[in-house]
């Protein structure tokens, strides 16, 4: 009887193990990681000042998105404090702290079902890092923030200091690896410049991804004049209109801090070009293309936005180009220029490449010139592009001005790079979450098998084997386009033979390897081989 009971107990225990949800793998040896997003990369909630329990998500949402932006997010800059203050006097804008800060930077609209990928921020990276052994609240944390504000706003930097201390304590006194994306890199650099002692105390590594260290000139020029869209394609119809975003961003210090760095020596100076119709001294009309440097563009912004207004709560509010914010942003650039990586901290820079990226903007055309500068608000620009991630030029992202352990270019789109498995491989190595001591991200390449065929047959006492295999080698290195056109595939052959003895049969094999010229970071390799052996 006792034996039967033991069998029943063992059977129940086995059943319990089968139905119990498997626990995720946790690596106790990993250092903690803090994820810091870029502009528009944090969930924001409006909280009633009188009734703090009443919360409403205002960024991002689908239902009433545009109305909510206009009534809850529109703001005015206060030059005394450096803050953008929400026009609604009854509301405060806060960032949720659920899941140790990760909720705010994971999926920006958790209620969205169809097309949810368009509101992913750090989601795919969080999922991947959990597979590596990171654990929320122990070794994985997030820091969301009000992205309307300046990257050196004392209030935000104080929150970051407290966050670093809490992560340090929660992980048992381990130093932190910060992973920042986009404008989050400017926030971290401002903190490092102004609070280097705290940074050195708590931070072990800082990995900046797609950071606009010298600005995003083409993108920001069109943002000042036309606004921006957080998503593209059909999903854009369900989000905040470009016009509403325009009025929001004109009063955001963070946008002014993304303007082209005035003291950076660009390989090609970013400019604002305008086709204009002018009258000569004789009254004749002529069409000319005017070009303005970043400093000269400021006057164009002033003139183009001089009559820009919004109606809020029945009041007509002027929203011109804000010179007070520009002065604040100039001081931010000085703070950024004085930043240095403290001793004991390692800095890594990942920047996006291989995409046409706006660098200069051109409005109007020879056929349809601009006659009045306020018209610019209703015109779509044509861009002069350079290499980058579609938003930030690679030249800007690489120019961090810091002592870096490594700078690595990864083909990818500005926000999409956060879901890129090539990037994941690099991060896994830098975070010491892998076991490959020979991997070097600086010389990184990925080999993808694309075809494999194997055939065997026997004939007249011989065994024939034919093999065909193909690979795609993806690397950062880029060949000169003109040189590539004239190059031919490289072909190499090899033959080996084996004499028979008592243990083995005679055999012979020949192989041909064809290496095609690199094209857009990809190189095609083909192998064809045939072997013949005596059938034993």
Protein backbone atom coordinates (compact mmCIF):
# COMPACT_ATOMS: atom_id res chain seq x y z
CA UNK A 1 0.00 0.00 0.00
CA UNK A 2 2.79 2.44 0.96
CA UNK A 3 4.47 1.83 -2.39
CA UNK A 4 1.25 2.72 -4.21
CA UNK A 5 0.91 5.96 -2.22
CA UNK A 6 4.49 6.90 -3.06
CA UNK A 7 3.73 6.26 -6.74
CA UNK A 8 0.68 8.54 -6.49
CA UNK A 9 2.74 11.27 -4.80
CA UNK A 10 5.44 11.05 -7.42
CA UNK A 11 2.81 11.19 -10.17
CA UNK A 12 1.20 14.29 -8.63
CA UNK A 13 4.59 15.97 -8.19
CA UNK A 14 5.41 15.25 -11.84
CA UNK A 15 2.05 16.64 -12.89
CA UNK A 16 2.62 19.81 -10.87
CA UNK A 17 6.00 20.31 -12.47
CA UNK A 18 4.42 19.92 -15.90
CA UNK A 19 1.64 22.46 -15.33
CA UNK A 20 3.76 24.98 -13.43
CA UNK A 21 4.79 27.93 -15.56
CA UNK A 22 8.53 27.65 -16.20
CA UNK A 23 10.56 30.32 -14.47
CA UNK A 24 12.71 32.56 -16.66
CA UNK A 25 16.44 32.06 -16.62
CA UNK A 26 18.17 34.48 -14.24
CA UNK A 27 21.91 35.08 -14.29
CA UNK A 28 22.95 36.35 -10.82
CA UNK A 29 26.35 37.48 -12.12
CA UNK A 30 25.04 40.19 -14.45
CA UNK A 31 25.48 43.87 -13.63
CA UNK A 32 22.32 46.00 -13.54
CA UNK A 33 21.20 47.86 -16.67
CA UNK A 34 19.24 51.12 -16.85
CA UNK A 35 17.44 51.89 -20.13
CA UNK A 36 17.01 55.58 -21.02
CA UNK A 37 14.79 56.43 -24.03
CA UNK A 38 14.88 59.36 -26.43
CA UNK A 39 12.36 62.00 -27.41
CA UNK A 40 8.74 60.80 -27.33
CA UNK A 41 9.95 57.53 -25.82
CA UNK A 42 8.18 57.65 -22.43
CA UNK A 43 4.56 57.21 -21.47
CA UNK A 44 3.23 60.45 -19.96
CA UNK A 45 0.19 60.81 -17.72
CA UNK A 46 -1.78 63.88 -16.72
CA UNK A 47 -2.55 63.94 -13.00
CA UNK A 48 -5.13 66.18 -11.40
CA UNK A 49 -3.36 68.54 -8.97
CA UNK A 50 -6.26 68.44 -6.50
CA UNK A 51 -7.08 64.75 -6.84
CA UNK A 52 -3.78 62.93 -7.34
CA UNK A 53 -5.53 59.58 -7.85
CA UNK A 54 -7.09 60.72 -11.11
CA UNK A 55 -4.67 59.85 -13.93
CA UNK A 56 -5.04 59.93 -17.70
CA UNK A 57 -2.47 58.69 -20.21
CA UNK A 58 -1.79 61.53 -22.60
CA UNK A 59 1.22 60.09 -24.50
CA UNK A 60 0.67 57.82 -26.36
CA UNK A 61 -2.97 56.94 -26.97
CA UNK A 62 -5.32 56.25 -29.87
CA UNK A 63 -8.75 57.49 -28.78
CA UNK A 64 -8.93 61.30 -28.67
CA UNK A 65 -5.15 61.47 -29.15
CA UNK A 66 -5.11 64.84 -30.91
CA UNK A 67 -7.59 66.48 -28.54
CA UNK A 68 -5.71 65.20 -25.51
CA UNK A 69 -2.41 66.57 -26.85
CA UNK A 70 -3.91 70.01 -27.37
CA UNK A 71 -5.62 70.18 -23.98
CA UNK A 72 -3.13 68.34 -21.73
CA UNK A 73 0.34 68.52 -23.36
CA UNK A 74 0.49 71.94 -25.00
CA UNK A 75 2.71 74.14 -22.88
CA UNK A 76 4.58 77.44 -22.54
CA UNK A 77 8.25 77.83 -21.66
CA UNK A 78 9.08 79.59 -18.39
CA UNK A 79 12.52 81.25 -18.77
CA UNK A 80 12.80 81.67 -15.00
CA UNK A 81 12.73 77.93 -14.30
CA UNK A 82 13.66 76.46 -17.71
CA UNK A 83 10.50 74.33 -17.66
CA UNK A 84 7.76 73.95 -20.21
CA UNK A 85 4.60 74.40 -18.16
CA UNK A 86 1.38 72.72 -19.27
CA UNK A 87 -1.32 75.21 -20.31
CA UNK A 88 -3.90 73.35 -18.22
CA UNK A 89 -3.34 74.80 -14.71
CA UNK A 90 -5.14 71.88 -13.09
CA UNK A 91 -2.82 69.17 -14.44
CA UNK A 92 0.68 67.88 -13.75
CA UNK A 93 2.49 65.66 -16.26
CA UNK A 94 4.15 62.62 -14.68
CA UNK A 95 5.90 59.45 -15.81
CA UNK A 96 4.62 56.12 -14.43
CA UNK A 97 7.12 54.10 -12.38
CA UNK A 98 5.46 50.66 -12.76
CA UNK A 99 7.76 47.66 -13.32
CA UNK A 100 10.76 49.55 -11.95
CA UNK A 101 10.40 52.21 -14.65
CA UNK A 102 10.19 49.73 -17.55
CA UNK A 103 6.45 50.09 -18.14
CA UNK A 104 6.87 53.69 -19.33
CA UNK A 105 9.45 52.80 -22.02
CA UNK A 106 8.26 49.36 -23.14
CA UNK A 107 5.06 49.59 -25.24
CA UNK A 108 4.02 53.23 -25.38
CA UNK A 109 0.32 52.41 -25.90
CA UNK A 110 -0.38 49.17 -24.01
CA UNK A 111 -4.03 49.26 -25.18
CA UNK A 112 -3.15 49.09 -28.85
CA UNK A 113 -3.69 45.68 -30.46
CA UNK A 114 -3.55 46.07 -34.25
CA UNK A 115 -0.24 47.47 -35.46
CA UNK A 116 1.15 47.41 -31.93
CA UNK A 117 4.73 47.20 -33.18
CA UNK A 118 4.60 50.86 -34.22
CA UNK A 119 4.42 51.88 -30.53
CA UNK A 120 7.17 49.52 -29.35
CA UNK A 121 10.07 51.38 -27.83
CA UNK A 122 12.42 49.23 -25.75
CA UNK A 123 10.00 46.27 -25.89
CA UNK A 124 12.03 43.91 -28.07
CA UNK A 125 15.24 44.75 -26.23
CA UNK A 126 13.62 44.07 -22.85
CA UNK A 127 12.33 40.69 -24.07
CA UNK A 128 15.77 39.82 -25.44
CA UNK A 129 17.63 40.86 -22.28
CA UNK A 130 15.34 38.76 -20.11
CA UNK A 131 16.34 35.78 -22.25
CA UNK A 132 19.98 36.59 -21.47
CA UNK A 133 19.29 36.33 -17.75
CA UNK A 134 18.36 39.88 -16.75
CA UNK A 135 15.56 40.27 -14.23
CA UNK A 136 13.18 43.20 -13.85
CA UNK A 137 13.77 44.97 -10.56
CA UNK A 138 17.06 43.17 -9.92
CA UNK A 139 19.24 43.78 -12.96
CA UNK A 140 16.90 45.55 -15.42
CA UNK A 141 15.36 48.99 -14.91
CA UNK A 142 13.99 51.91 -16.92
CA UNK A 143 14.09 55.69 -16.65
CA UNK A 144 11.29 57.53 -18.42
CA UNK A 145 11.07 61.30 -18.37
CA UNK A 146 9.06 64.27 -19.67
CA UNK A 147 10.72 64.59 -23.07
CA UNK A 148 9.30 68.12 -23.59
CA UNK A 149 11.78 69.44 -21.06
CA UNK A 150 15.43 70.42 -21.37
CA UNK A 151 18.04 67.70 -21.11
CA UNK A 152 19.68 69.64 -18.29
CA UNK A 153 16.52 70.49 -16.34
CA UNK A 154 17.52 70.15 -12.64
CA UNK A 155 14.28 68.36 -11.80
CA UNK A 156 14.97 65.61 -14.36
CA UNK A 157 18.62 65.26 -13.36
CA UNK A 158 17.64 64.95 -9.68
CA UNK A 159 15.25 62.12 -10.61
CA UNK A 160 18.03 60.41 -12.55
CA UNK A 161 20.40 60.70 -9.58
CA UNK A 162 17.82 59.08 -7.30
CA UNK A 163 17.19 56.39 -9.91
CA UNK A 164 20.87 55.49 -10.13
CA UNK A 165 21.09 55.24 -6.35
CA UNK A 166 17.98 53.02 -6.11
CA UNK A 167 19.23 50.71 -8.90
CA UNK A 168 22.62 50.47 -7.21
CA UNK A 169 20.98 49.46 -3.93
CA UNK A 170 18.45 47.07 -5.49
CA UNK A 171 21.25 45.16 -7.24
CA UNK A 172 23.29 44.72 -4.08
CA UNK A 173 25.81 47.48 -4.67
CA UNK A 174 26.73 46.64 -8.27
CA UNK A 175 27.65 49.44 -10.64
CA UNK A 176 25.25 50.13 -13.50
CA UNK A 177 25.42 49.90 -17.29
CA UNK A 178 23.33 52.67 -18.86
CA UNK A 179 21.89 52.07 -22.33
CA UNK A 180 20.56 55.29 -23.83
CA UNK A 181 18.79 55.83 -27.13
CA UNK A 182 18.65 58.96 -29.26
CA UNK A 183 18.10 62.14 -27.20
CA UNK A 184 18.51 60.03 -24.06
CA UNK A 185 22.23 60.20 -24.88
CA UNK A 186 22.14 64.00 -24.50
CA UNK A 187 20.34 63.65 -21.16
CA UNK A 188 22.97 61.22 -19.88
CA UNK A 189 25.81 63.40 -21.19
CA UNK A 190 24.36 66.47 -19.43
CA UNK A 191 24.11 64.49 -16.20
CA UNK A 192 27.67 63.24 -16.58
CA UNK A 193 28.87 66.81 -17.17
CA UNK A 194 27.02 68.37 -14.24
CA UNK A 195 27.17 65.47 -11.77
CA UNK A 196 30.34 63.59 -12.66
CA UNK A 197 30.88 62.50 -9.03
CA UNK A 198 27.50 60.73 -8.87
CA UNK A 199 28.02 59.29 -12.35
CA UNK A 200 31.40 57.85 -11.38
CA UNK A 201 30.02 56.43 -8.13
CA UNK A 202 27.18 54.45 -9.68
CA UNK A 203 27.97 53.88 -13.38
CA UNK A 204 30.24 51.20 -14.85
CA UNK A 205 29.39 51.45 -18.58
CA UNK A 206 27.45 53.84 -20.76
CA UNK A 207 26.28 52.62 -24.18
CA UNK A 208 24.82 55.38 -26.37
CA UNK A 209 22.69 54.26 -29.32
CA UNK A 210 21.84 56.63 -32.21
CA UNK A 211 22.57 59.72 -30.13
CA UNK A 212 22.39 63.10 -31.96
CA UNK A 213 25.54 64.40 -30.28
CA UNK A 214 25.86 67.24 -32.82
CA UNK A 215 22.17 67.54 -33.61
CA UNK A 216 19.78 66.26 -36.25
CA UNK A 217 19.80 69.30 -38.56
CA UNK A 218 17.52 68.28 -41.43
CA UNK A 219 14.98 66.64 -39.16
CA UNK A 220 14.83 69.56 -36.70
CA UNK A 221 14.62 72.23 -39.42
CA UNK A 222 11.44 70.65 -40.78
CA UNK A 223 10.15 70.12 -37.22
CA UNK A 224 10.36 73.85 -36.48
CA UNK A 225 8.61 74.77 -39.72
CA UNK A 226 6.18 71.86 -40.21
CA UNK A 227 6.03 69.65 -37.11
CA UNK A 228 6.74 65.94 -36.98
CA UNK A 229 4.98 62.57 -36.98
CA UNK A 230 5.81 59.97 -34.37
CA UNK A 231 4.74 57.13 -36.69
CA UNK A 232 4.50 56.83 -40.46
CA UNK A 233 2.04 55.05 -42.71
CA UNK A 234 -1.62 54.34 -42.02
CA UNK A 235 -1.10 54.33 -38.24
CA UNK A 236 -0.41 58.08 -38.44
CA UNK A 237 -4.16 58.68 -38.92
CA UNK A 238 -4.83 57.47 -35.39
CA UNK A 239 -2.23 59.59 -33.61
CA UNK A 240 -1.60 63.25 -32.96
CA UNK A 241 -1.74 65.42 -36.08
CA UNK A 242 1.44 66.93 -37.43
CA UNK A 243 0.05 70.44 -36.79
CA UNK A 244 -0.71 69.70 -33.13
CA UNK A 245 2.78 68.24 -32.68
CA UNK A 246 4.17 71.39 -34.32
CA UNK A 247 2.54 73.63 -31.73
CA UNK A 248 3.70 71.37 -28.91
CA UNK A 249 7.34 71.18 -30.01
CA UNK A 250 7.80 74.93 -30.62
CA UNK A 251 7.73 75.35 -26.83
CA UNK A 252 9.92 72.33 -26.01
CA UNK A 253 13.53 73.08 -24.98
CA UNK A 254 14.52 69.53 -25.94
CA UNK A 255 13.83 70.30 -29.62
CA UNK A 256 16.01 73.42 -29.58
CA UNK A 257 18.80 71.34 -28.02
CA UNK A 258 18.67 69.05 -31.08
CA UNK A 259 19.50 71.86 -33.52
CA UNK A 260 22.76 71.60 -35.45
CA UNK A 261 25.63 72.22 -33.06
CA UNK A 262 26.89 75.72 -33.94
CA UNK A 263 30.57 75.02 -33.20
CA UNK A 264 30.91 71.64 -34.90
CA UNK A 265 32.99 71.42 -38.08
CA UNK A 266 30.64 69.53 -40.40
CA UNK A 267 32.03 67.77 -43.44
CA UNK A 268 29.23 69.50 -45.35
CA UNK A 269 27.52 72.37 -43.55
CA UNK A 270 23.78 71.69 -43.09
CA UNK A 271 21.77 74.49 -44.67
CA UNK A 272 18.22 75.71 -45.15
CA UNK A 273 17.52 76.43 -48.81
CA UNK A 274 14.54 78.41 -50.11
CA UNK A 275 13.50 79.08 -53.69
CA UNK A 276 12.22 82.68 -53.58
CA UNK A 277 10.70 85.11 -56.01
CA UNK A 278 12.16 88.60 -55.78
CA UNK A 279 11.90 91.84 -57.68
CA UNK A 280 15.01 93.52 -59.06
CA UNK A 281 15.55 97.30 -59.23
CA UNK A 282 13.69 97.46 -62.51
CA UNK A 283 10.67 95.68 -61.11
CA UNK A 284 11.39 92.45 -62.95
CA UNK A 285 10.67 89.17 -61.16
CA UNK A 286 13.44 86.63 -60.74
CA UNK A 287 13.66 83.25 -59.03
CA UNK A 288 16.72 82.60 -56.89
CA UNK A 289 17.81 79.82 -54.53
CA UNK A 290 18.82 81.25 -51.17
CA UNK A 291 20.96 79.27 -48.74
CA UNK A 292 21.18 79.83 -44.97
CA UNK A 293 23.65 78.41 -42.46
CA UNK A 294 22.36 77.09 -39.10
CA UNK A 295 22.97 80.52 -37.49
CA UNK A 296 21.32 82.36 -40.40
CA UNK A 297 18.34 79.97 -40.34
CA UNK A 298 17.26 81.38 -36.97
CA UNK A 299 16.04 84.59 -38.61
CA UNK A 300 14.07 82.50 -41.13
CA UNK A 301 12.43 80.57 -38.27
CA UNK A 302 11.55 83.88 -36.58
CA UNK A 303 9.97 85.32 -39.73
CA UNK A 304 8.18 82.11 -40.71
CA UNK A 305 6.64 81.63 -37.25
CA UNK A 306 5.98 85.30 -36.48
CA UNK A 307 2.23 84.91 -36.96
CA UNK A 308 1.93 81.39 -35.55
CA UNK A 309 -0.86 81.17 -32.94
CA UNK A 310 -3.11 78.62 -31.26
CA UNK A 311 -6.47 78.98 -29.60
CA UNK A 312 -6.57 77.48 -26.12
CA UNK A 313 -9.60 77.71 -23.85
CA UNK A 314 -10.96 80.55 -25.99
CA UNK A 315 -7.73 82.55 -25.83
CA UNK A 316 -5.53 83.33 -28.84
CA UNK A 317 -1.95 82.42 -27.80
CA UNK A 318 1.05 83.44 -29.93
CA UNK A 319 3.65 80.72 -30.46
CA UNK A 320 6.57 82.25 -32.37
CA UNK A 321 10.08 80.85 -32.55
CA UNK A 322 11.13 81.15 -28.92
CA UNK A 323 14.38 83.09 -28.42
CA UNK A 324 14.33 82.46 -24.66
CA UNK A 325 14.47 78.72 -25.31
CA UNK A 326 17.24 79.28 -27.85
CA UNK A 327 19.34 81.02 -25.17
CA UNK A 328 18.69 78.13 -22.80
CA UNK A 329 19.67 75.61 -25.50
CA UNK A 330 22.93 77.49 -26.15
CA UNK A 331 23.87 77.00 -22.49
CA UNK A 332 22.96 73.32 -22.79
CA UNK A 333 25.39 72.97 -25.71
CA UNK A 334 28.12 74.48 -23.52
CA UNK A 335 27.32 71.96 -20.76
CA UNK A 336 27.55 69.13 -23.29
CA UNK A 337 30.87 70.42 -24.66
CA UNK A 338 32.48 70.23 -21.19
CA UNK A 339 31.45 66.62 -20.50
CA UNK A 340 34.15 64.03 -19.87
CA UNK A 341 33.92 60.32 -19.12
CA UNK A 342 34.99 59.85 -15.47
CA UNK A 343 37.83 57.44 -14.63
CA UNK A 344 36.62 53.88 -14.24
CA UNK A 345 33.63 54.36 -16.58
CA UNK A 346 33.64 52.82 -20.06
CA UNK A 347 31.79 54.55 -22.88
CA UNK A 348 30.57 52.85 -26.07
CA UNK A 349 28.90 54.45 -29.07
CA UNK A 350 26.58 52.69 -31.55
CA UNK A 351 25.36 54.74 -34.51
CA UNK A 352 23.03 53.91 -37.38
CA UNK A 353 24.21 53.76 -41.00
CA UNK A 354 23.12 52.87 -44.54
CA UNK A 355 19.95 55.01 -44.66
CA UNK A 356 19.33 58.29 -46.46
CA UNK A 357 19.19 60.84 -43.64
CA UNK A 358 17.98 64.47 -43.87
CA UNK A 359 20.89 66.88 -43.53
CA UNK A 360 19.72 70.02 -45.33
CA UNK A 361 16.17 71.08 -46.21
CA UNK A 362 14.98 72.86 -49.34
CA UNK A 363 11.59 74.62 -49.62
CA UNK A 364 9.82 75.60 -52.80
CA UNK A 365 11.09 75.07 -56.34
CA UNK A 366 12.05 77.06 -59.40
CA UNK A 367 8.53 76.46 -60.72
CA UNK A 368 6.71 77.17 -57.43
CA UNK A 369 8.85 79.55 -55.37
CA UNK A 370 8.12 80.83 -51.87
CA UNK A 371 6.74 84.38 -51.94
CA UNK A 372 6.11 84.89 -48.22
CA UNK A 373 8.09 83.18 -45.42
CA UNK A 374 5.00 82.23 -43.31
CA UNK A 375 4.12 79.98 -46.30
CA UNK A 376 6.92 77.66 -45.17
CA UNK A 377 4.63 76.25 -42.45
CA UNK A 378 2.40 74.78 -45.16
CA UNK A 379 5.13 73.47 -47.49
CA UNK A 380 6.83 70.10 -47.45
CA UNK A 381 10.62 70.23 -47.86
CA UNK A 382 12.89 68.29 -50.13
CA UNK A 383 15.90 66.92 -48.30
CA UNK A 384 19.57 66.74 -49.14
CA UNK A 385 20.59 63.51 -47.43
CA UNK A 386 23.70 61.95 -46.00
CA UNK A 387 24.45 58.56 -44.47
CA UNK A 388 22.79 57.83 -41.15
CA UNK A 389 19.79 56.12 -39.56
CA UNK A 390 17.08 58.12 -41.32
CA UNK A 391 16.92 60.72 -38.53
CA UNK A 392 20.42 61.33 -37.15
CA UNK A 393 23.38 61.67 -39.54
CA UNK A 394 26.16 59.19 -38.77
CA UNK A 395 28.57 62.13 -38.68
CA UNK A 396 26.64 63.64 -35.77
CA UNK A 397 26.17 60.38 -33.88
CA UNK A 398 29.87 59.46 -34.13
CA UNK A 399 31.07 62.86 -32.90
CA UNK A 400 30.50 62.26 -29.20
CA UNK A 401 33.60 64.21 -28.15
CA UNK A 402 34.35 61.61 -25.50
CA UNK A 403 36.98 58.98 -24.79
CA UNK A 404 35.24 55.90 -26.22
CA UNK A 405 36.12 52.24 -25.84
CA UNK A 406 34.50 51.57 -29.22
CA UNK A 407 32.36 53.20 -31.89
CA UNK A 408 30.39 50.80 -34.07
CA UNK A 409 28.11 51.52 -37.03
CA UNK A 410 25.06 49.27 -37.37
CA UNK A 411 22.78 49.33 -40.43
CA UNK A 412 19.35 50.28 -39.18
CA UNK A 413 16.58 52.84 -38.82
CA UNK A 414 16.64 55.31 -35.93
CA UNK A 415 14.02 53.66 -33.71
CA UNK A 416 13.99 50.29 -35.46
CA UNK A 417 17.62 49.72 -34.45
CA UNK A 418 16.31 48.94 -30.94
CA UNK A 419 14.88 45.70 -32.37
CA UNK A 420 17.94 44.79 -34.42
CA UNK A 421 19.55 41.41 -33.63
CA UNK A 422 22.91 42.67 -34.83
CA UNK A 423 22.71 45.33 -32.10
CA UNK A 424 21.59 42.71 -29.58
CA UNK A 425 24.70 40.66 -30.30
CA UNK A 426 26.93 43.67 -29.65
CA UNK A 427 25.12 44.61 -26.44
CA UNK A 428 25.24 41.05 -25.17
CA UNK A 429 29.01 41.08 -25.54
CA UNK A 430 29.56 44.48 -23.92
CA UNK A 431 27.26 43.57 -21.02
CA UNK A 432 29.17 40.30 -20.56
CA UNK A 433 25.99 38.28 -21.05
CA UNK A 434 27.62 35.97 -23.61
CA UNK A 435 30.38 33.37 -23.45
CA UNK A 436 32.32 34.15 -26.61
CA UNK A 437 35.70 35.64 -25.62
CA UNK A 438 36.79 36.00 -29.28
CA UNK A 439 33.90 38.18 -30.48
CA UNK A 440 34.92 41.74 -31.35
CA UNK A 441 32.03 44.13 -32.16
CA UNK A 442 34.38 46.62 -33.83
CA UNK A 443 35.25 44.10 -36.56
CA UNK A 444 31.82 42.56 -36.43
CA UNK A 445 30.25 40.69 -39.29
CA UNK A 446 27.33 38.29 -39.54
CA UNK A 447 27.25 35.21 -41.79
CA UNK A 448 23.78 34.11 -42.89
CA UNK A 449 23.39 30.78 -44.76
CA UNK A 450 21.03 31.31 -47.70
CA UNK A 451 21.08 28.00 -49.60
CA UNK A 452 22.21 24.40 -49.09
CA UNK A 453 21.99 21.43 -51.49
CA UNK A 454 23.52 17.96 -51.04
CA UNK A 455 23.22 15.01 -53.43
CA UNK A 456 24.71 11.51 -53.32
CA UNK A 457 24.55 8.63 -55.82
CA UNK A 458 26.47 5.49 -56.71
CA UNK A 459 27.61 4.43 -60.17
CA UNK A 460 29.99 1.70 -61.37
CA UNK A 461 31.36 1.07 -57.88
CA UNK A 462 31.97 4.74 -57.17
CA UNK A 463 30.17 7.07 -54.78
CA UNK A 464 29.61 10.64 -55.97
CA UNK A 465 28.74 13.50 -53.60
CA UNK A 466 27.93 17.02 -54.78
CA UNK A 467 27.48 19.96 -52.46
CA UNK A 468 26.33 23.52 -53.07
CA UNK A 469 26.14 26.10 -50.28
CA UNK A 470 25.68 29.87 -50.26
CA UNK A 471 26.12 32.55 -47.60
CA UNK A 472 25.46 36.26 -47.16
CA UNK A 473 28.19 38.08 -45.23
CA UNK A 474 26.90 41.31 -43.68
CA UNK A 475 29.50 43.72 -42.37
CA UNK A 476 30.00 47.38 -41.55
CA UNK A 477 32.74 47.86 -44.14
CA UNK A 478 31.64 49.64 -47.30
CA UNK A 479 33.45 49.44 -50.63
CA UNK A 480 33.73 52.42 -52.96
CA UNK A 481 30.72 52.33 -55.31
CA UNK A 482 32.63 53.28 -58.47
CA UNK A 483 35.29 50.69 -57.76
CA UNK A 484 32.66 48.05 -57.03
CA UNK A 485 31.03 48.46 -60.46
CA UNK A 486 34.26 47.52 -62.21
CA UNK A 487 35.10 44.61 -59.98
CA UNK A 488 34.44 41.00 -60.90
CA UNK A 489 33.72 38.02 -58.64
CA UNK A 490 36.76 36.37 -57.11
CA UNK A 491 36.95 32.64 -57.95
CA UNK A 492 39.24 30.12 -56.32
CA UNK A 493 39.52 26.34 -56.72
CA UNK A 494 41.10 23.55 -54.72
CA UNK A 495 41.51 19.83 -55.23
CA UNK A 496 42.57 17.23 -52.69
CA UNK A 497 43.06 13.47 -52.99
CA UNK A 498 43.46 10.58 -50.60
CA UNK A 499 45.32 7.41 -51.43
CA UNK A 500 43.65 4.24 -50.30
CA UNK A 501 45.07 1.83 -47.74
CA UNK A 502 43.82 -1.02 -45.60
CA UNK A 503 41.59 1.30 -43.58
CA UNK A 504 40.31 3.78 -46.19
CA UNK A 505 39.25 3.84 -49.82
CA UNK A 506 40.77 6.12 -52.47
CA UNK A 507 38.93 9.44 -52.77
CA UNK A 508 39.24 12.79 -54.51
CA UNK A 509 37.40 16.10 -54.04
CA UNK A 510 37.36 19.42 -55.91
CA UNK A 511 35.75 22.66 -54.75
CA UNK A 512 35.22 26.12 -56.18
CA UNK A 513 34.56 29.21 -54.05
CA UNK A 514 33.09 32.35 -55.64
CA UNK A 515 33.17 35.60 -53.68
CA UNK A 516 31.04 38.35 -55.23
CA UNK A 517 31.85 42.07 -54.73
CA UNK A 518 30.28 43.73 -51.72
CA UNK A 519 27.07 45.63 -52.36
CA UNK A 520 25.33 47.78 -49.73
CA UNK A 521 27.16 46.07 -46.89
CA UNK A 522 26.41 42.54 -48.14
CA UNK A 523 28.73 40.07 -49.83
CA UNK A 524 27.51 36.87 -51.51
CA UNK A 525 29.68 33.73 -51.24
CA UNK A 526 29.08 30.46 -53.14
CA UNK A 527 30.70 27.07 -52.65
CA UNK A 528 30.42 24.19 -55.13
CA UNK A 529 32.14 20.88 -54.37
CA UNK A 530 32.22 17.36 -55.81
CA UNK A 531 33.85 14.29 -54.29
CA UNK A 532 34.41 10.80 -55.71
CA UNK A 533 35.34 7.75 -53.66
CA UNK A 534 35.52 4.02 -54.21
CA UNK A 535 32.41 2.43 -52.83
CA UNK A 536 33.50 0.08 -50.08
